[in-house]
Amino acid sequence: MKKLANAGNGNYAFLDSVLEAKKVMMNEFGGTLMTVAKDVKVQIEFNPSEVEGYRLLGYENRCLAAKDFNDDKKDAGEIGSGHTMTAFYEIIPAGTGEMGAGTDPLKYQKSETAKSGELMTVKMRYKKPDGDRSILIEKAHTAAEMTRKEPSVDFRFASAVAEFALLLEDSKHKGNASFAKLIERARNAKGEDCEGYRAEFIRLAETAELMDAKASSPSEKG
């Protein structure tokens, strides 16, 4: 399904319930039919004077080589009307020394970074639905504008979803993630849930927690 959708610049969905069918066929159908941008690519460059290391969570099957960003012949994703995308990065701030821990300093090179005050630059390329040449949008962001005193409800809920994925795949980067913590955060960040999607996620996480607890408990023999 994915290969067919990519070849035809289309979309695909797996329907496992009546509610999922309603979500895809009614709520999202208009955006699926109306493409507003094709071959959309996003590239993020972190300023090494502010960021020592980073890691993108997920999107393993969507990553492109750096050189492909400017190649208009390279196929990418389509964006429909009303569609949004979310990507999470784990960032190690500069000066922590975590990336260079246990390694010797460079002998022949000196690391110099631009002190611009910028945290990162986000670039996006896209083509109009009937176009063949990409359009570039570029915007720099400072650390101050990217830092919030209190994360938004949407951010906190999305972080719970990301933590859930780390646990499901038993990622080596899961750290101290736990079902209990992500479920509590998701409940507190449920917000206005008109369609019930967030409540459905919480039920899935609770079910996974029970299955994990059962799998971890010692078996009993009669």
N, C-alpha and C. Protein backbone atom coordinates (compact mmCIF):
# COMPACT_ATOMS: atom_id res chain seq x y z
N MET A 1 0.82 -1.21 0.00
CA MET A 1 0.00 0.00 0.00
C MET A 1 0.86 1.26 0.00
N LYS A 2 1.93 1.22 0.80
CA LYS A 2 2.81 2.38 0.87
C LYS A 2 3.49 2.63 -0.47
N LYS A 3 3.98 1.56 -1.12
CA LYS A 3 4.67 1.71 -2.41
C LYS A 3 3.72 2.24 -3.48
N LEU A 4 2.49 1.74 -3.48
CA LEU A 4 1.51 2.22 -4.45
C LEU A 4 1.19 3.70 -4.23
N ALA A 5 1.03 4.08 -2.96
CA ALA A 5 0.70 5.47 -2.64
C ALA A 5 1.84 6.40 -3.03
N ASN A 6 3.08 5.98 -2.75
CA ASN A 6 4.24 6.80 -3.11
C ASN A 6 4.36 6.96 -4.63
N ALA A 7 4.12 5.85 -5.35
CA ALA A 7 4.25 5.89 -6.81
C ALA A 7 3.21 6.81 -7.45
N GLY A 8 2.04 6.88 -6.83
CA GLY A 8 0.96 7.69 -7.40
C GLY A 8 0.73 9.00 -6.69
N ASN A 9 1.68 9.40 -5.80
CA ASN A 9 1.52 10.63 -5.01
C ASN A 9 0.19 10.65 -4.27
N GLY A 10 -0.15 9.50 -3.70
CA GLY A 10 -1.43 9.38 -3.00
C GLY A 10 -1.26 9.10 -1.53
N ASN A 11 -2.30 8.57 -0.91
CA ASN A 11 -2.28 8.25 0.52
C ASN A 11 -2.86 6.86 0.73
N TYR A 12 -2.60 6.31 1.88
CA TYR A 12 -3.16 5.01 2.23
C TYR A 12 -3.51 5.02 3.71
N ALA A 13 -4.38 4.10 4.11
CA ALA A 13 -4.79 4.02 5.51
C ALA A 13 -5.19 2.59 5.84
N PHE A 14 -4.99 2.21 7.09
CA PHE A 14 -5.42 0.90 7.59
C PHE A 14 -6.63 1.12 8.49
N LEU A 15 -7.75 0.53 8.14
CA LEU A 15 -9.00 0.72 8.88
C LEU A 15 -9.26 -0.53 9.71
N ASP A 16 -9.16 -0.38 11.03
CA ASP A 16 -9.37 -1.53 11.91
C ASP A 16 -10.62 -1.38 12.78
N SER A 17 -11.37 -0.31 12.56
CA SER A 17 -12.60 -0.11 13.33
C SER A 17 -13.50 0.88 12.60
N VAL A 18 -14.75 0.93 13.02
CA VAL A 18 -15.70 1.87 12.42
C VAL A 18 -15.27 3.31 12.71
N LEU A 19 -14.74 3.57 13.91
CA LEU A 19 -14.30 4.92 14.25
C LEU A 19 -13.12 5.35 13.38
N GLU A 20 -12.21 4.40 13.10
CA GLU A 20 -11.07 4.73 12.25
C GLU A 20 -11.54 5.01 10.82
N ALA A 21 -12.54 4.26 10.38
CA ALA A 21 -13.11 4.50 9.05
C ALA A 21 -13.74 5.88 8.98
N LYS A 22 -14.44 6.28 10.03
CA LYS A 22 -15.05 7.61 10.08
C LYS A 22 -13.98 8.70 10.03
N LYS A 23 -12.89 8.48 10.77
CA LYS A 23 -11.79 9.45 10.82
C LYS A 23 -11.17 9.64 9.43
N VAL A 24 -10.91 8.52 8.75
CA VAL A 24 -10.22 8.59 7.46
C VAL A 24 -11.16 9.00 6.33
N MET A 25 -12.34 8.37 6.27
CA MET A 25 -13.23 8.56 5.11
C MET A 25 -14.09 9.81 5.20
N MET A 26 -14.29 10.33 6.41
CA MET A 26 -15.15 11.51 6.56
C MET A 26 -14.35 12.74 7.00
N ASN A 27 -13.63 12.62 8.12
CA ASN A 27 -12.95 13.79 8.68
C ASN A 27 -11.74 14.22 7.87
N GLU A 28 -11.00 13.24 7.30
CA GLU A 28 -9.75 13.56 6.62
C GLU A 28 -9.82 13.39 5.11
N PHE A 29 -10.97 13.02 4.60
CA PHE A 29 -11.08 12.67 3.18
C PHE A 29 -10.79 13.86 2.28
N GLY A 30 -11.26 15.04 2.67
CA GLY A 30 -11.05 16.23 1.84
C GLY A 30 -9.58 16.55 1.66
N GLY A 31 -8.81 16.44 2.74
CA GLY A 31 -7.38 16.71 2.66
C GLY A 31 -6.65 15.67 1.84
N THR A 32 -7.16 14.43 1.85
CA THR A 32 -6.54 13.36 1.06
C THR A 32 -6.72 13.61 -0.42
N LEU A 33 -7.87 14.13 -0.80
CA LEU A 33 -8.16 14.37 -2.21
C LEU A 33 -7.49 15.63 -2.74
N MET A 34 -7.32 16.63 -1.89
CA MET A 34 -6.80 17.93 -2.34
C MET A 34 -5.37 18.13 -1.88
N THR A 35 -4.42 17.90 -2.78
CA THR A 35 -3.01 18.10 -2.48
C THR A 35 -2.66 19.57 -2.64
N VAL A 36 -2.06 20.16 -1.60
CA VAL A 36 -1.68 21.57 -1.66
C VAL A 36 -0.18 21.74 -1.90
N ALA A 37 0.61 20.68 -1.66
CA ALA A 37 2.05 20.74 -1.90
C ALA A 37 2.55 19.32 -2.13
N LYS A 38 3.45 19.15 -3.09
CA LYS A 38 4.00 17.83 -3.36
C LYS A 38 5.52 17.85 -3.19
N ASP A 39 6.09 16.64 -3.02
CA ASP A 39 7.52 16.48 -2.81
C ASP A 39 8.04 17.44 -1.73
N VAL A 40 7.37 17.40 -0.58
CA VAL A 40 7.74 18.28 0.53
C VAL A 40 8.91 17.68 1.31
N LYS A 41 9.94 18.48 1.52
CA LYS A 41 11.13 18.06 2.27
C LYS A 41 11.43 19.09 3.35
N VAL A 42 11.87 18.60 4.48
CA VAL A 42 12.24 19.49 5.58
C VAL A 42 13.67 19.15 6.00
N GLN A 43 14.47 20.18 6.18
CA GLN A 43 15.86 20.01 6.61
C GLN A 43 16.14 20.95 7.78
N ILE A 44 16.73 20.42 8.84
CA ILE A 44 17.04 21.22 10.03
C ILE A 44 18.53 21.19 10.28
N GLU A 45 19.12 22.37 10.43
CA GLU A 45 20.54 22.48 10.78
C GLU A 45 20.65 23.12 12.15
N PHE A 46 21.24 22.38 13.09
CA PHE A 46 21.44 22.88 14.45
C PHE A 46 22.79 23.60 14.53
N ASN A 47 22.80 24.69 15.27
CA ASN A 47 24.02 25.46 15.49
C ASN A 47 24.87 24.75 16.55
N PRO A 48 26.07 24.27 16.19
CA PRO A 48 26.89 23.52 17.16
C PRO A 48 27.35 24.34 18.36
N SER A 49 27.26 25.68 18.27
CA SER A 49 27.60 26.48 19.44
C SER A 49 26.49 26.43 20.49
N GLU A 50 25.31 25.95 20.07
CA GLU A 50 24.17 25.83 20.99
C GLU A 50 23.78 24.37 21.23
N VAL A 51 24.02 23.52 20.25
CA VAL A 51 23.58 22.13 20.33
C VAL A 51 24.78 21.21 20.11
N GLU A 52 25.06 20.38 21.10
CA GLU A 52 26.20 19.46 21.01
C GLU A 52 25.85 18.19 20.24
N GLY A 53 24.61 17.75 20.36
CA GLY A 53 24.17 16.55 19.66
C GLY A 53 22.66 16.52 19.58
N TYR A 54 22.15 15.74 18.64
CA TYR A 54 20.69 15.65 18.48
C TYR A 54 20.33 14.30 17.88
N ARG A 55 19.07 13.95 18.03
CA ARG A 55 18.56 12.69 17.46
C ARG A 55 17.10 12.89 17.09
N LEU A 56 16.74 12.50 15.87
CA LEU A 56 15.36 12.55 15.42
C LEU A 56 14.65 11.28 15.88
N LEU A 57 13.49 11.45 16.50
CA LEU A 57 12.71 10.30 16.97
C LEU A 57 11.77 9.85 15.85
N GLY A 58 11.97 8.64 15.39
CA GLY A 58 11.12 8.12 14.33
C GLY A 58 11.54 8.59 12.95
N TYR A 59 10.67 8.41 11.99
CA TYR A 59 10.88 8.80 10.58
C TYR A 59 12.05 8.05 9.93
N GLU A 60 12.39 6.86 10.47
CA GLU A 60 13.51 6.10 9.90
C GLU A 60 13.30 5.79 8.42
N ASN A 61 12.04 5.54 8.04
CA ASN A 61 11.76 5.20 6.64
C ASN A 61 11.46 6.42 5.78
N ARG A 62 11.67 7.62 6.36
CA ARG A 62 11.42 8.85 5.60
C ARG A 62 12.66 9.72 5.46
N CYS A 63 13.76 9.28 6.02
CA CYS A 63 14.96 10.11 6.00
C CYS A 63 15.58 10.15 4.60
N LEU A 64 16.07 11.31 4.22
CA LEU A 64 16.75 11.50 2.95
C LEU A 64 18.21 11.87 3.20
N ALA A 65 19.06 11.59 2.24
CA ALA A 65 20.44 12.06 2.31
C ALA A 65 20.45 13.58 2.18
N ALA A 66 21.44 14.23 2.79
CA ALA A 66 21.50 15.69 2.77
C ALA A 66 21.50 16.23 1.34
N LYS A 67 22.17 15.53 0.43
CA LYS A 67 22.26 16.01 -0.96
C LYS A 67 20.92 15.94 -1.68
N ASP A 68 20.00 15.09 -1.18
CA ASP A 68 18.69 14.94 -1.84
C ASP A 68 17.76 16.11 -1.58
N PHE A 69 18.11 16.95 -0.60
CA PHE A 69 17.22 18.06 -0.26
C PHE A 69 17.07 19.03 -1.42
N ASN A 70 18.15 19.28 -2.15
CA ASN A 70 18.12 20.22 -3.27
C ASN A 70 17.86 19.55 -4.62
N ASP A 71 17.67 18.24 -4.60
CA ASP A 71 17.44 17.50 -5.84
C ASP A 71 15.95 17.41 -6.12
N ASP A 72 15.47 18.17 -7.10
CA ASP A 72 14.05 18.18 -7.41
C ASP A 72 13.56 16.89 -8.03
N LYS A 73 14.50 16.02 -8.44
CA LYS A 73 14.09 14.75 -9.02
C LYS A 73 13.80 13.70 -7.95
N LYS A 74 14.22 14.00 -6.71
CA LYS A 74 14.03 13.06 -5.61
C LYS A 74 12.60 13.15 -5.09
N ASP A 75 11.90 12.03 -5.10
CA ASP A 75 10.50 12.00 -4.66
C ASP A 75 10.42 12.17 -3.15
N ALA A 76 9.42 12.91 -2.70
CA ALA A 76 9.20 13.11 -1.26
C ALA A 76 7.71 13.03 -0.97
N GLY A 77 7.29 13.55 0.16
CA GLY A 77 5.91 13.38 0.60
C GLY A 77 4.98 14.47 0.09
N GLU A 78 3.71 14.13 0.07
CA GLU A 78 2.66 15.08 -0.32
C GLU A 78 1.92 15.57 0.92
N ILE A 79 1.49 16.81 0.87
CA ILE A 79 0.72 17.40 1.97
C ILE A 79 -0.65 17.77 1.45
N GLY A 80 -1.69 17.28 2.13
CA GLY A 80 -3.05 17.59 1.74
C GLY A 80 -3.60 18.76 2.52
N SER A 81 -4.72 19.26 2.08
CA SER A 81 -5.37 20.39 2.73
C SER A 81 -5.68 20.07 4.18
N GLY A 82 -5.20 20.92 5.09
CA GLY A 82 -5.47 20.73 6.51
C GLY A 82 -4.56 19.76 7.22
N HIS A 83 -3.64 19.12 6.51
CA HIS A 83 -2.72 18.17 7.12
C HIS A 83 -1.63 18.88 7.92
N THR A 84 -1.20 18.27 8.99
CA THR A 84 -0.09 18.78 9.79
C THR A 84 0.88 17.64 10.07
N MET A 85 2.11 17.98 10.41
CA MET A 85 3.13 16.98 10.73
C MET A 85 3.85 17.40 12.01
N THR A 86 4.28 16.41 12.79
CA THR A 86 5.00 16.67 14.03
C THR A 86 6.27 15.83 14.06
N ALA A 87 7.39 16.43 14.40
CA ALA A 87 8.66 15.70 14.54
C ALA A 87 9.30 16.10 15.86
N PHE A 88 9.79 15.11 16.59
CA PHE A 88 10.47 15.35 17.86
C PHE A 88 11.96 15.11 17.72
N TYR A 89 12.75 16.01 18.28
CA TYR A 89 14.20 15.86 18.34
C TYR A 89 14.62 15.82 19.81
N GLU A 90 15.52 14.89 20.11
CA GLU A 90 16.17 14.89 21.42
C GLU A 90 17.48 15.66 21.27
N ILE A 91 17.68 16.68 22.08
CA ILE A 91 18.80 17.60 21.92
C ILE A 91 19.71 17.58 23.16
N ILE A 92 21.01 17.55 22.91
CA ILE A 92 22.00 17.70 23.97
C ILE A 92 22.58 19.11 23.86
N PRO A 93 22.34 19.97 24.84
CA PRO A 93 22.87 21.35 24.77
C PRO A 93 24.38 21.38 24.72
N ALA A 94 24.92 22.39 24.06
CA ALA A 94 26.38 22.55 23.98
C ALA A 94 26.97 22.81 25.36
N GLY A 95 28.19 22.33 25.57
CA GLY A 95 28.87 22.57 26.83
C GLY A 95 28.72 21.47 27.84
N THR A 96 27.86 20.48 27.55
CA THR A 96 27.67 19.39 28.51
C THR A 96 28.79 18.37 28.46
N GLY A 97 29.45 18.26 27.29
CA GLY A 97 30.54 17.31 27.13
C GLY A 97 30.10 15.87 26.95
N GLU A 98 28.79 15.65 26.82
CA GLU A 98 28.30 14.28 26.71
C GLU A 98 28.75 13.60 25.42
N MET A 99 28.77 14.35 24.31
CA MET A 99 29.13 13.76 23.03
C MET A 99 30.60 13.37 22.97
N GLY A 100 31.43 14.13 23.67
CA GLY A 100 32.87 13.85 23.61
C GLY A 100 33.39 13.07 24.80
N ALA A 101 32.49 12.58 25.64
CA ALA A 101 32.92 11.86 26.84
C ALA A 101 33.70 10.60 26.45
N GLY A 102 34.86 10.44 27.06
CA GLY A 102 35.66 9.24 26.82
C GLY A 102 36.50 9.28 25.56
N THR A 103 36.54 10.41 24.86
CA THR A 103 37.34 10.51 23.64
C THR A 103 38.45 11.55 23.84
N ASP A 104 39.54 11.37 23.12
CA ASP A 104 40.66 12.30 23.19
C ASP A 104 40.36 13.54 22.36
N PRO A 105 40.91 14.70 22.74
CA PRO A 105 40.72 15.91 21.93
C PRO A 105 41.39 15.77 20.57
N LEU A 106 40.89 16.47 19.57
CA LEU A 106 41.44 16.41 18.23
C LEU A 106 42.85 17.01 18.20
N LYS A 107 43.74 16.36 17.46
CA LYS A 107 45.13 16.82 17.37
C LYS A 107 45.34 17.80 16.23
N TYR A 108 44.70 17.56 15.08
CA TYR A 108 44.95 18.34 13.87
C TYR A 108 43.83 19.30 13.51
N GLN A 109 42.73 19.28 14.25
CA GLN A 109 41.60 20.14 13.93
C GLN A 109 41.17 20.92 15.16
N LYS A 110 40.68 22.11 14.92
CA LYS A 110 40.09 22.92 15.96
C LYS A 110 38.62 23.15 15.61
N SER A 111 37.77 22.94 16.58
CA SER A 111 36.34 23.10 16.34
C SER A 111 35.93 24.55 16.59
N GLU A 112 35.48 25.23 15.54
CA GLU A 112 35.03 26.61 15.66
C GLU A 112 33.57 26.71 15.19
N THR A 113 32.76 27.42 15.94
CA THR A 113 31.35 27.55 15.61
C THR A 113 30.96 29.01 15.56
N ALA A 114 29.92 29.28 14.80
CA ALA A 114 29.44 30.66 14.65
C ALA A 114 28.60 31.06 15.84
N LYS A 115 28.99 32.14 16.52
CA LYS A 115 28.25 32.64 17.68
C LYS A 115 27.16 33.61 17.20
N SER A 116 26.13 33.06 16.63
CA SER A 116 25.08 33.90 16.05
C SER A 116 23.89 34.08 17.00
N GLY A 117 23.82 33.28 18.05
CA GLY A 117 22.66 33.31 18.94
C GLY A 117 21.51 32.48 18.43
N GLU A 118 21.66 31.92 17.22
CA GLU A 118 20.60 31.09 16.65
C GLU A 118 20.75 29.65 17.14
N LEU A 119 19.62 29.02 17.41
CA LEU A 119 19.62 27.62 17.83
C LEU A 119 19.65 26.70 16.61
N MET A 120 18.84 27.05 15.61
CA MET A 120 18.76 26.20 14.43
C MET A 120 18.14 26.96 13.27
N THR A 121 18.30 26.40 12.08
CA THR A 121 17.67 26.93 10.88
C THR A 121 16.82 25.82 10.27
N VAL A 122 15.56 26.13 10.01
CA VAL A 122 14.64 25.17 9.41
C VAL A 122 14.43 25.55 7.96
N LYS A 123 14.64 24.58 7.08
CA LYS A 123 14.41 24.79 5.65
C LYS A 123 13.34 23.82 5.16
N MET A 124 12.49 24.31 4.27
CA MET A 124 11.48 23.45 3.67
C MET A 124 11.43 23.69 2.17
N ARG A 125 11.41 22.62 1.42
CA ARG A 125 11.25 22.69 -0.03
C ARG A 125 9.94 22.01 -0.40
N TYR A 126 9.23 22.60 -1.33
CA TYR A 126 8.00 21.97 -1.82
C TYR A 126 7.74 22.42 -3.25
N LYS A 127 6.93 21.64 -3.92
CA LYS A 127 6.49 22.00 -5.26
C LYS A 127 4.99 22.25 -5.24
N LYS A 128 4.55 23.17 -6.06
CA LYS A 128 3.12 23.36 -6.23
C LYS A 128 2.54 22.10 -6.87
N PRO A 129 1.27 21.81 -6.65
CA PRO A 129 0.68 20.57 -7.16
C PRO A 129 0.92 20.34 -8.65
N ASP A 130 1.00 21.42 -9.43
CA ASP A 130 1.22 21.27 -10.87
C ASP A 130 2.61 21.75 -11.28
N GLY A 131 3.52 21.90 -10.32
CA GLY A 131 4.86 22.43 -10.61
C GLY A 131 5.93 21.36 -10.65
N ASP A 132 7.07 21.70 -11.27
CA ASP A 132 8.20 20.79 -11.36
C ASP A 132 9.44 21.32 -10.65
N ARG A 133 9.45 22.62 -10.30
CA ARG A 133 10.58 23.22 -9.60
C ARG A 133 10.18 23.54 -8.16
N SER A 134 11.06 23.21 -7.25
CA SER A 134 10.74 23.39 -5.83
C SER A 134 10.91 24.83 -5.39
N ILE A 135 10.20 25.18 -4.34
CA ILE A 135 10.25 26.50 -3.72
C ILE A 135 10.86 26.34 -2.33
N LEU A 136 11.81 27.20 -1.98
CA LEU A 136 12.51 27.09 -0.70
C LEU A 136 11.98 28.11 0.29
N ILE A 137 11.70 27.64 1.52
CA ILE A 137 11.35 28.50 2.64
C ILE A 137 12.40 28.25 3.73
N GLU A 138 12.95 29.30 4.29
CA GLU A 138 14.02 29.17 5.28
C GLU A 138 13.79 30.13 6.43
N LYS A 139 13.94 29.62 7.66
CA LYS A 139 13.73 30.48 8.83
C LYS A 139 14.63 30.03 9.97
N ALA A 140 15.32 30.99 10.59
CA ALA A 140 16.19 30.71 11.73
C ALA A 140 15.42 30.94 13.03
N HIS A 141 15.78 30.18 14.07
CA HIS A 141 15.13 30.31 15.38
C HIS A 141 16.19 30.41 16.46
N THR A 142 15.95 31.28 17.42
CA THR A 142 16.86 31.42 18.56
C THR A 142 16.41 30.50 19.69
N ALA A 143 17.32 30.26 20.63
CA ALA A 143 16.99 29.41 21.76
C ALA A 143 15.88 30.04 22.60
N ALA A 144 15.91 31.36 22.72
CA ALA A 144 14.92 32.05 23.55
C ALA A 144 13.51 31.86 23.03
N GLU A 145 13.32 31.98 21.72
CA GLU A 145 11.97 31.87 21.17
C GLU A 145 11.48 30.43 21.12
N MET A 146 12.41 29.46 21.19
CA MET A 146 12.02 28.07 21.16
C MET A 146 11.76 27.49 22.54
N THR A 147 12.05 28.26 23.57
CA THR A 147 11.89 27.79 24.95
C THR A 147 10.62 28.37 25.55
N ARG A 148 9.77 27.51 26.08
CA ARG A 148 8.53 27.94 26.72
C ARG A 148 8.62 27.65 28.21
N LYS A 149 8.02 28.54 29.01
CA LYS A 149 7.98 28.28 30.45
C LYS A 149 7.14 27.05 30.75
N GLU A 150 6.06 26.87 30.01
CA GLU A 150 5.18 25.72 30.20
C GLU A 150 4.84 25.14 28.84
N PRO A 151 5.22 23.89 28.56
CA PRO A 151 4.89 23.28 27.27
C PRO A 151 3.38 23.27 27.04
N SER A 152 2.98 23.41 25.79
CA SER A 152 1.56 23.43 25.46
C SER A 152 0.93 22.06 25.70
N VAL A 153 -0.40 22.05 25.75
CA VAL A 153 -1.13 20.79 25.92
C VAL A 153 -0.81 19.84 24.77
N ASP A 154 -0.80 20.35 23.55
CA ASP A 154 -0.52 19.51 22.38
C ASP A 154 0.88 18.92 22.45
N PHE A 155 1.86 19.74 22.88
CA PHE A 155 3.24 19.25 22.98
C PHE A 155 3.35 18.14 24.01
N ARG A 156 2.72 18.33 25.16
CA ARG A 156 2.81 17.32 26.22
C ARG A 156 2.14 16.01 25.79
N PHE A 157 1.01 16.11 25.10
CA PHE A 157 0.34 14.89 24.65
C PHE A 157 1.18 14.18 23.59
N ALA A 158 1.72 14.96 22.65
CA ALA A 158 2.55 14.37 21.60
C ALA A 158 3.79 13.70 22.18
N SER A 159 4.35 14.27 23.25
CA SER A 159 5.53 13.67 23.88
C SER A 159 5.17 12.33 24.51
N ALA A 160 3.94 12.20 25.00
CA ALA A 160 3.48 10.93 25.55
C ALA A 160 3.39 9.88 24.44
N VAL A 161 2.94 10.28 23.26
CA VAL A 161 2.86 9.36 22.12
C VAL A 161 4.26 8.90 21.72
N ALA A 162 5.22 9.84 21.70
CA ALA A 162 6.59 9.49 21.34
C ALA A 162 7.20 8.53 22.36
N GLU A 163 6.92 8.77 23.64
CA GLU A 163 7.43 7.88 24.69
C GLU A 163 6.83 6.49 24.56
N PHE A 164 5.56 6.44 24.20
CA PHE A 164 4.86 5.16 23.99
C PHE A 164 5.55 4.36 22.88
N ALA A 165 5.93 5.04 21.79
CA ALA A 165 6.60 4.37 20.69
C ALA A 165 7.96 3.81 21.11
N LEU A 166 8.71 4.57 21.93
CA LEU A 166 10.01 4.10 22.41
C LEU A 166 9.86 2.82 23.23
N LEU A 167 8.79 2.75 24.03
CA LEU A 167 8.58 1.56 24.85
C LEU A 167 8.13 0.38 24.01
N LEU A 168 7.27 0.62 23.02
CA LEU A 168 6.77 -0.47 22.19
C LEU A 168 7.89 -1.17 21.43
N GLU A 169 8.86 -0.40 20.94
CA GLU A 169 9.96 -1.00 20.19
C GLU A 169 11.15 -1.33 21.08
N ASP A 170 10.99 -1.12 22.39
CA ASP A 170 12.06 -1.38 23.36
C ASP A 170 13.34 -0.71 22.90
N SER A 171 13.24 0.58 22.59
CA SER A 171 14.37 1.33 22.06
C SER A 171 15.49 1.43 23.08
N LYS A 172 16.72 1.41 22.58
CA LYS A 172 17.87 1.58 23.46
C LYS A 172 17.95 3.00 23.99
N HIS A 173 17.16 3.90 23.41
CA HIS A 173 17.15 5.30 23.84
C HIS A 173 15.98 5.61 24.78
N LYS A 174 15.28 4.59 25.25
CA LYS A 174 14.08 4.84 26.05
C LYS A 174 14.37 5.41 27.43
N GLY A 175 15.61 5.25 27.91
CA GLY A 175 15.97 5.83 29.21
C GLY A 175 15.08 5.33 30.32
N ASN A 176 14.50 6.28 31.09
CA ASN A 176 13.62 5.90 32.20
C ASN A 176 12.15 6.05 31.83
N ALA A 177 11.83 5.91 30.55
CA ALA A 177 10.44 5.99 30.10
C ALA A 177 9.62 4.88 30.74
N SER A 178 8.36 5.15 30.97
CA SER A 178 7.48 4.14 31.56
C SER A 178 6.04 4.38 31.12
N PHE A 179 5.27 3.31 31.10
CA PHE A 179 3.85 3.43 30.73
C PHE A 179 3.11 4.32 31.72
N ALA A 180 3.42 4.16 33.00
CA ALA A 180 2.71 4.93 34.03
C ALA A 180 2.90 6.43 33.81
N LYS A 181 4.14 6.86 33.52
CA LYS A 181 4.42 8.29 33.36
C LYS A 181 3.75 8.85 32.09
N LEU A 182 3.83 8.10 30.99
CA LEU A 182 3.26 8.64 29.76
C LEU A 182 1.74 8.66 29.82
N ILE A 183 1.14 7.69 30.48
CA ILE A 183 -0.33 7.67 30.61
C ILE A 183 -0.79 8.85 31.46
N GLU A 184 -0.08 9.10 32.56
CA GLU A 184 -0.45 10.24 33.41
C GLU A 184 -0.32 11.56 32.66
N ARG A 185 0.77 11.70 31.88
CA ARG A 185 0.96 12.94 31.12
C ARG A 185 -0.11 13.09 30.03
N ALA A 186 -0.46 11.98 29.39
CA ALA A 186 -1.48 12.02 28.35
C ALA A 186 -2.85 12.39 28.93
N ARG A 187 -3.15 11.87 30.10
CA ARG A 187 -4.43 12.21 30.75
C ARG A 187 -4.48 13.69 31.09
N ASN A 188 -3.39 14.22 31.63
CA ASN A 188 -3.35 15.63 32.01
C ASN A 188 -3.35 16.56 30.80
N ALA A 189 -2.94 16.05 29.64
CA ALA A 189 -2.86 16.87 28.43
C ALA A 189 -3.93 16.47 27.41
N LYS A 190 -4.97 15.82 27.87
CA LYS A 190 -6.02 15.35 26.95
C LYS A 190 -6.70 16.52 26.27
N GLY A 191 -6.91 17.59 27.01
CA GLY A 191 -7.50 18.80 26.44
C GLY A 191 -8.88 18.56 25.85
N GLU A 192 -9.24 19.38 24.85
CA GLU A 192 -10.53 19.24 24.18
C GLU A 192 -10.42 18.13 23.14
N ASP A 193 -11.10 17.04 23.41
CA ASP A 193 -10.98 15.84 22.58
C ASP A 193 -12.32 15.52 21.93
N CYS A 194 -12.74 16.36 20.99
CA CYS A 194 -14.07 16.25 20.39
C CYS A 194 -14.28 14.92 19.68
N GLU A 195 -13.26 14.44 18.98
CA GLU A 195 -13.40 13.21 18.20
C GLU A 195 -13.04 11.95 19.00
N GLY A 196 -12.48 12.13 20.18
CA GLY A 196 -12.14 10.98 21.02
C GLY A 196 -10.85 10.28 20.67
N TYR A 197 -10.01 10.90 19.82
CA TYR A 197 -8.77 10.25 19.41
C TYR A 197 -7.79 10.12 20.57
N ARG A 198 -7.73 11.16 21.39
CA ARG A 198 -6.78 11.13 22.52
C ARG A 198 -7.22 10.13 23.58
N ALA A 199 -8.52 10.05 23.80
CA ALA A 199 -9.03 9.05 24.74
C ALA A 199 -8.72 7.64 24.25
N GLU A 200 -8.82 7.45 22.93
CA GLU A 200 -8.51 6.14 22.35
C GLU A 200 -7.04 5.80 22.56
N PHE A 201 -6.15 6.78 22.39
CA PHE A 201 -4.73 6.53 22.62
C PHE A 201 -4.47 6.13 24.07
N ILE A 202 -5.10 6.82 25.00
CA ILE A 202 -4.91 6.51 26.42
C ILE A 202 -5.35 5.08 26.71
N ARG A 203 -6.46 4.64 26.11
CA ARG A 203 -6.92 3.25 26.29
C ARG A 203 -5.90 2.27 25.72
N LEU A 204 -5.33 2.59 24.57
CA LEU A 204 -4.31 1.72 23.98
C LEU A 204 -3.09 1.61 24.89
N ALA A 205 -2.66 2.75 25.45
CA ALA A 205 -1.50 2.75 26.34
C ALA A 205 -1.79 1.95 27.61
N GLU A 206 -2.99 2.08 28.13
CA GLU A 206 -3.37 1.33 29.34
C GLU A 206 -3.38 -0.17 29.05
N THR A 207 -3.87 -0.55 27.88
CA THR A 207 -3.87 -1.97 27.49
C THR A 207 -2.45 -2.49 27.36
N ALA A 208 -1.57 -1.69 26.72
CA ALA A 208 -0.18 -2.09 26.57
C ALA A 208 0.50 -2.24 27.92
N GLU A 209 0.17 -1.35 28.86
CA GLU A 209 0.75 -1.43 30.20
C GLU A 209 0.36 -2.74 30.87
N LEU A 210 -0.91 -3.14 30.75
CA LEU A 210 -1.36 -4.40 31.34
C LEU A 210 -0.67 -5.60 30.70
N MET A 211 -0.54 -5.56 29.38
CA MET A 211 0.13 -6.67 28.68
C MET A 211 1.60 -6.75 29.06
N ASP A 212 2.24 -5.60 29.24
CA ASP A 212 3.64 -5.59 29.63
C ASP A 212 3.81 -6.14 31.04
N ALA A 213 2.90 -5.76 31.93
CA ALA A 213 2.98 -6.24 33.31
C ALA A 213 2.76 -7.75 33.36
N LYS A 214 1.86 -8.25 32.51
CA LYS A 214 1.59 -9.68 32.49
C LYS A 214 2.79 -10.45 31.95
N ALA A 215 3.43 -9.89 30.91
CA ALA A 215 4.58 -10.54 30.30
C ALA A 215 5.78 -10.55 31.25
N SER A 216 5.86 -9.52 32.11
CA SER A 216 7.00 -9.40 33.03
C SER A 216 6.83 -10.20 34.31
N SER A 217 5.58 -10.57 34.64
CA SER A 217 5.34 -11.29 35.89
C SER A 217 5.73 -12.74 35.76
N PRO A 218 6.23 -13.34 36.85
CA PRO A 218 6.64 -14.77 36.80
C PRO A 218 5.45 -15.68 36.57
N SER A 219 5.65 -16.71 35.80
CA SER A 219 4.55 -17.64 35.52
C SER A 219 4.27 -18.51 36.73
N GLU A 220 3.05 -18.95 36.85
CA GLU A 220 2.64 -19.78 37.98
C GLU A 220 2.33 -21.19 37.47
N LYS A 221 2.76 -22.17 38.21
CA LYS A 221 2.47 -23.57 37.87
C LYS A 221 1.63 -24.19 38.94
N GLY A 222 0.56 -24.88 38.52
CA GLY A 222 -0.32 -25.51 39.48
C GLY A 222 0.19 -26.90 39.86
